[in-house]
Amino acid sequence: MLDTVGSTSEEARVRAGNGPVWVLACHQTAARGRRGRPWSMPEGNFAASLAWHPTGSPAEHGLRSFTASLALAEALEAFGVTGLTLKWPNDVLRHGGKLAGILLESPAPGLLVLGIGVNLAAAPEAVEAGALSPAALDGSIAPEALLDVLAPAFAAREAQLVRDGFGPIREDWLARAGGLGGPVTARLMTREVRGTFADVDEVGHLVLDTPQGRQHLPAGDVFFGG
């Protein structure tokens, strides 16, 4: 566990070798979320990143957002945390509030960096209009204790994905999916799509039933409600 780093994901990238490497830090000075958004890290929260060279194609690498969110939910539940659901593609919610975020990056060919932030002790302020309210735990779970459970949980889900494909992961993820069957708005780079959250398909795309028909979206920011 390191004291202060700019970004655990950048530190993991630098330290990446032939095998997987986890980096956990008490403080980050340049943390970021999806699309370069800043990621706030109050004292006592969890910030860790894993760098490794996964098998499969770049498209298959993106499925690690599902394995990571499942593993994180399972790790938190091992500490007695309840009320968890998963939000496509990469958030863990608690009672409808955002408890954790996951960021996947590929800074070099074949290298994948998985960054995970969890509000173990305090919730930052929401940074985007319409975003879910942040949620936080009470600080009773130490970051290093969570990593001790999360690392093997993720390794097990990674092995399952490699061995059995996305099908079983998809089923387990959908069983925990927040907002399934309800109205959502997906914000893409150039447009918004409103519809009913119907499914996640065999390649991890969000499936919406819209007035224009069923649409499969490979990426986007999802907001619950019409």
Protein backbone atom coordinates (compact mmCIF):
# COMPACT_ATOMS: atom_id res chain seq x y z
CA MET A 1 0.00 0.00 0.00
CA LEU A 2 1.41 3.38 -1.03
CA ASP A 3 0.84 6.68 0.76
CA THR A 4 0.34 9.21 -2.05
CA VAL A 5 0.36 8.76 -5.83
CA GLY A 6 -0.89 10.83 -8.71
CA SER A 7 -3.10 8.00 -9.93
CA THR A 8 -3.13 4.35 -8.93
CA SER A 9 -3.86 3.45 -12.55
CA GLU A 10 -0.80 5.33 -13.78
CA GLU A 11 1.32 3.77 -11.03
CA ALA A 12 0.04 0.30 -11.95
CA ARG A 13 0.84 0.96 -15.61
CA VAL A 14 4.41 1.91 -14.75
CA ARG A 15 4.85 -1.14 -12.53
CA ALA A 16 3.23 -3.59 -14.95
CA GLY A 17 5.45 -6.52 -15.79
CA ASN A 18 4.81 -10.03 -16.97
CA GLY A 19 2.30 -10.77 -14.20
CA PRO A 20 -0.66 -8.90 -12.69
CA VAL A 21 0.13 -6.08 -10.26
CA TRP A 22 -2.24 -4.32 -7.85
CA VAL A 23 -1.52 -0.82 -6.57
CA LEU A 24 -3.40 0.53 -3.53
CA ALA A 25 -2.93 4.10 -2.28
CA CYS A 26 -4.09 6.17 0.67
CA HIS A 27 -4.22 9.38 -1.38
CA GLN A 28 -4.41 10.30 -5.06
CA THR A 29 -3.59 13.74 -6.42
CA ALA A 30 -4.63 13.21 -10.07
CA ALA A 31 -7.37 10.60 -9.97
CA ARG A 32 -9.78 10.46 -12.88
CA GLY A 33 -12.99 8.77 -13.88
CA ARG A 34 -14.57 8.02 -17.23
CA ARG A 35 -13.88 10.47 -20.08
CA GLY A 36 -11.23 12.21 -17.98
CA ARG A 37 -13.61 13.41 -15.28
CA PRO A 38 -11.99 14.14 -11.92
CA TRP A 39 -12.46 11.51 -9.21
CA SER A 40 -12.59 12.80 -5.65
CA MET A 41 -11.05 10.66 -2.90
CA PRO A 42 -11.91 11.70 0.67
CA GLU A 43 -9.85 10.29 3.52
CA GLY A 44 -10.44 6.60 4.20
CA ASN A 45 -11.83 5.72 0.79
CA PHE A 46 -10.53 2.96 -1.45
CA ALA A 47 -8.42 3.56 -4.55
CA ALA A 48 -6.68 0.65 -6.23
CA SER A 49 -5.72 -0.39 -9.74
CA LEU A 50 -4.76 -3.66 -11.37
CA ALA A 51 -2.54 -3.86 -14.45
CA TRP A 52 -2.22 -7.08 -16.41
CA HIS A 53 -2.18 -8.61 -19.88
CA PRO A 54 -5.53 -10.39 -20.31
CA THR A 55 -6.33 -12.93 -22.96
CA GLY A 56 -8.72 -12.25 -25.81
CA SER A 57 -9.37 -9.40 -28.21
CA PRO A 58 -9.64 -5.69 -27.29
CA ALA A 59 -13.43 -6.02 -27.50
CA GLU A 60 -13.32 -8.87 -25.01
CA HIS A 61 -11.12 -6.82 -22.70
CA GLY A 62 -14.08 -4.49 -22.16
CA LEU A 63 -16.00 -7.33 -20.50
CA ARG A 64 -13.77 -6.87 -17.47
CA SER A 65 -16.04 -4.05 -16.33
CA PHE A 66 -18.61 -6.79 -15.64
CA THR A 67 -16.21 -9.16 -13.91
CA ALA A 68 -14.82 -6.31 -11.82
CA SER A 69 -18.20 -5.00 -10.67
CA LEU A 70 -19.34 -8.52 -9.78
CA ALA A 71 -16.15 -9.22 -7.85
CA LEU A 72 -16.38 -5.90 -6.01
CA ALA A 73 -20.00 -6.52 -5.00
CA GLU A 74 -19.08 -9.99 -3.77
CA ALA A 75 -16.12 -8.63 -1.80
CA LEU A 76 -18.25 -5.93 -0.14
CA GLU A 77 -20.94 -8.44 0.71
CA ALA A 78 -18.29 -10.58 2.42
CA PHE A 79 -17.99 -7.68 4.89
CA GLY A 80 -21.75 -7.61 5.42
CA VAL A 81 -22.60 -4.74 3.07
CA THR A 82 -26.17 -5.00 1.79
CA GLY A 83 -28.35 -3.20 -0.75
CA LEU A 84 -25.90 -3.48 -3.67
CA THR A 85 -26.85 -3.36 -7.34
CA LEU A 86 -24.82 -2.92 -10.52
CA LYS A 87 -25.22 -0.10 -13.05
CA TRP A 88 -24.16 -0.58 -16.65
CA PRO A 89 -21.38 -0.55 -17.52
CA ASN A 90 -19.15 0.01 -14.52
CA ASP A 91 -20.70 1.29 -11.26
CA VAL A 92 -21.67 -0.37 -8.00
CA LEU A 93 -24.69 1.19 -6.29
CA ARG A 94 -25.95 0.95 -2.73
CA HIS A 95 -29.62 1.69 -2.15
CA GLY A 96 -29.58 3.53 -5.49
CA GLY A 97 -26.60 5.77 -4.74
CA LYS A 98 -23.20 5.46 -6.39
CA LEU A 99 -20.87 3.65 -4.01
CA ALA A 100 -18.09 2.72 -6.41
CA GLY A 101 -16.80 3.44 -9.88
CA ILE A 102 -14.68 1.32 -12.20
CA LEU A 103 -12.47 2.56 -15.03
CA LEU A 104 -10.92 0.37 -17.72
CA GLU A 105 -8.04 1.69 -19.81
CA SER A 106 -5.66 0.17 -22.33
CA PRO A 107 -2.57 2.40 -22.29
CA ALA A 108 -0.49 0.02 -24.42
CA PRO A 109 -1.25 -2.88 -26.77
CA GLY A 110 -2.25 -5.93 -24.76
CA LEU A 111 -2.12 -4.09 -21.43
CA LEU A 112 -5.29 -3.47 -19.44
CA VAL A 113 -5.51 -1.26 -16.36
CA LEU A 114 -8.51 -1.60 -14.07
CA GLY A 115 -9.06 1.28 -11.64
CA ILE A 116 -11.53 0.95 -8.77
CA GLY A 117 -12.71 3.63 -6.35
CA VAL A 118 -15.03 2.88 -3.43
CA ASN A 119 -16.54 5.33 -0.94
CA LEU A 120 -15.67 3.32 2.14
CA ALA A 121 -15.75 6.29 4.51
CA ALA A 122 -17.15 9.40 2.82
CA ALA A 123 -19.06 10.42 -0.28
CA PRO A 124 -17.82 13.22 -2.54
CA GLU A 125 -20.21 15.72 -4.03
CA ALA A 126 -21.97 14.79 -7.26
CA VAL A 127 -20.10 16.35 -10.19
CA GLU A 128 -22.65 16.09 -13.02
CA ALA A 129 -26.23 17.24 -13.37
CA GLY A 130 -28.61 14.31 -13.28
CA ALA A 131 -25.98 11.95 -11.88
CA LEU A 132 -26.82 9.56 -9.09
CA SER A 133 -26.26 10.81 -5.57
CA PRO A 134 -23.07 9.39 -4.08
CA ALA A 135 -23.33 6.76 -1.35
CA ALA A 136 -20.77 5.86 1.29
CA LEU A 137 -20.12 3.29 3.98
CA ASP A 138 -19.22 4.10 7.58
CA GLY A 139 -15.44 3.68 7.39
CA SER A 140 -15.36 0.37 9.23
CA ILE A 141 -13.79 -1.45 6.26
CA ALA A 142 -10.10 -0.67 5.83
CA PRO A 143 -8.93 -0.26 2.21
CA GLU A 144 -6.22 -2.89 2.58
CA ALA A 145 -8.73 -5.36 4.06
CA LEU A 146 -11.04 -4.83 1.10
CA LEU A 147 -8.20 -5.43 -1.37
CA ASP A 148 -7.32 -8.69 0.42
CA VAL A 149 -10.82 -9.95 -0.43
CA LEU A 150 -11.29 -8.20 -3.78
CA ALA A 151 -8.08 -9.44 -5.43
CA PRO A 152 -8.93 -13.17 -5.17
CA ALA A 153 -12.59 -12.49 -5.97
CA PHE A 154 -11.58 -10.75 -9.19
CA ALA A 155 -9.06 -13.49 -10.02
CA ALA A 156 -11.86 -16.06 -9.69
CA ARG A 157 -14.19 -14.08 -11.96
CA GLU A 158 -11.35 -13.55 -14.45
CA ALA A 159 -10.67 -17.29 -14.53
CA GLN A 160 -14.39 -17.94 -15.03
CA LEU A 161 -14.53 -15.54 -17.98
CA VAL A 162 -11.50 -17.12 -19.62
CA ARG A 163 -12.75 -20.66 -19.00
CA ASP A 164 -16.50 -20.35 -19.65
CA GLY A 165 -16.92 -17.19 -21.72
CA PHE A 166 -19.17 -14.23 -21.02
CA GLY A 167 -22.44 -16.16 -20.69
CA PRO A 168 -22.26 -17.08 -16.97
CA ILE A 169 -20.84 -13.66 -16.08
CA ARG A 170 -23.67 -11.97 -17.99
CA GLU A 171 -26.29 -14.02 -16.14
CA ASP A 172 -24.82 -13.19 -12.74
CA TRP A 173 -24.50 -9.52 -13.65
CA LEU A 174 -28.07 -9.25 -14.86
CA ALA A 175 -29.28 -10.84 -11.61
CA ARG A 176 -27.81 -7.81 -9.82
CA ALA A 177 -28.59 -5.15 -12.45
CA GLY A 178 -30.06 -1.89 -11.26
CA GLY A 179 -32.86 -0.37 -13.35
CA LEU A 180 -33.53 -3.50 -15.40
CA GLY A 181 -36.98 -3.24 -16.96
CA GLY A 182 -37.27 0.46 -16.20
CA PRO A 183 -36.81 3.70 -18.17
CA VAL A 184 -33.28 4.97 -18.77
CA THR A 185 -31.56 7.67 -20.76
CA ALA A 186 -28.23 6.81 -22.40
CA ARG A 187 -26.06 9.80 -23.23
CA LEU A 188 -23.75 9.09 -26.15
CA MET A 189 -21.09 11.37 -27.59
CA THR A 190 -23.47 13.06 -30.03
CA ARG A 191 -27.00 12.09 -28.96
CA GLU A 192 -29.28 10.75 -26.26
CA VAL A 193 -31.27 7.54 -26.44
CA ARG A 194 -34.31 7.03 -24.22
CA GLY A 195 -35.92 3.68 -23.70
CA THR A 196 -36.51 0.72 -21.44
CA PHE A 197 -33.49 -1.17 -20.13
CA ALA A 198 -34.25 -4.58 -21.64
CA ASP A 199 -31.00 -6.54 -21.46
CA VAL A 200 -27.24 -6.72 -21.83
CA ASP A 201 -26.34 -8.64 -24.97
CA GLU A 202 -23.75 -11.37 -25.60
CA VAL A 203 -20.95 -8.83 -26.13
CA GLY A 204 -21.80 -6.57 -23.19
CA HIS A 205 -23.77 -3.89 -25.05
CA LEU A 206 -26.69 -2.16 -23.36
CA VAL A 207 -30.00 -3.17 -24.95
CA LEU A 208 -32.80 -0.59 -24.94
CA ASP A 209 -36.31 -0.90 -26.24
CA THR A 210 -37.14 2.48 -27.77
CA PRO A 211 -40.02 3.91 -29.86
CA GLN A 212 -37.71 3.44 -32.86
CA GLY A 213 -37.08 -0.23 -32.03
CA ARG A 214 -34.54 -2.22 -30.07
CA GLN A 215 -31.07 -0.65 -29.91
CA HIS A 216 -27.75 -2.13 -28.80
CA LEU A 217 -25.39 0.52 -27.40
CA PRO A 218 -21.69 -0.28 -26.97
CA ALA A 219 -20.94 2.74 -24.77
CA GLY A 220 -22.60 5.67 -23.04
CA ASP A 221 -23.52 7.22 -19.72
CA VAL A 222 -26.75 5.80 -18.30
CA PHE A 223 -29.22 7.79 -16.24
CA PHE A 224 -32.24 6.15 -14.65
CA GLY A 225 -35.61 7.61 -15.59
CA GLY A 226 -37.09 8.65 -18.91
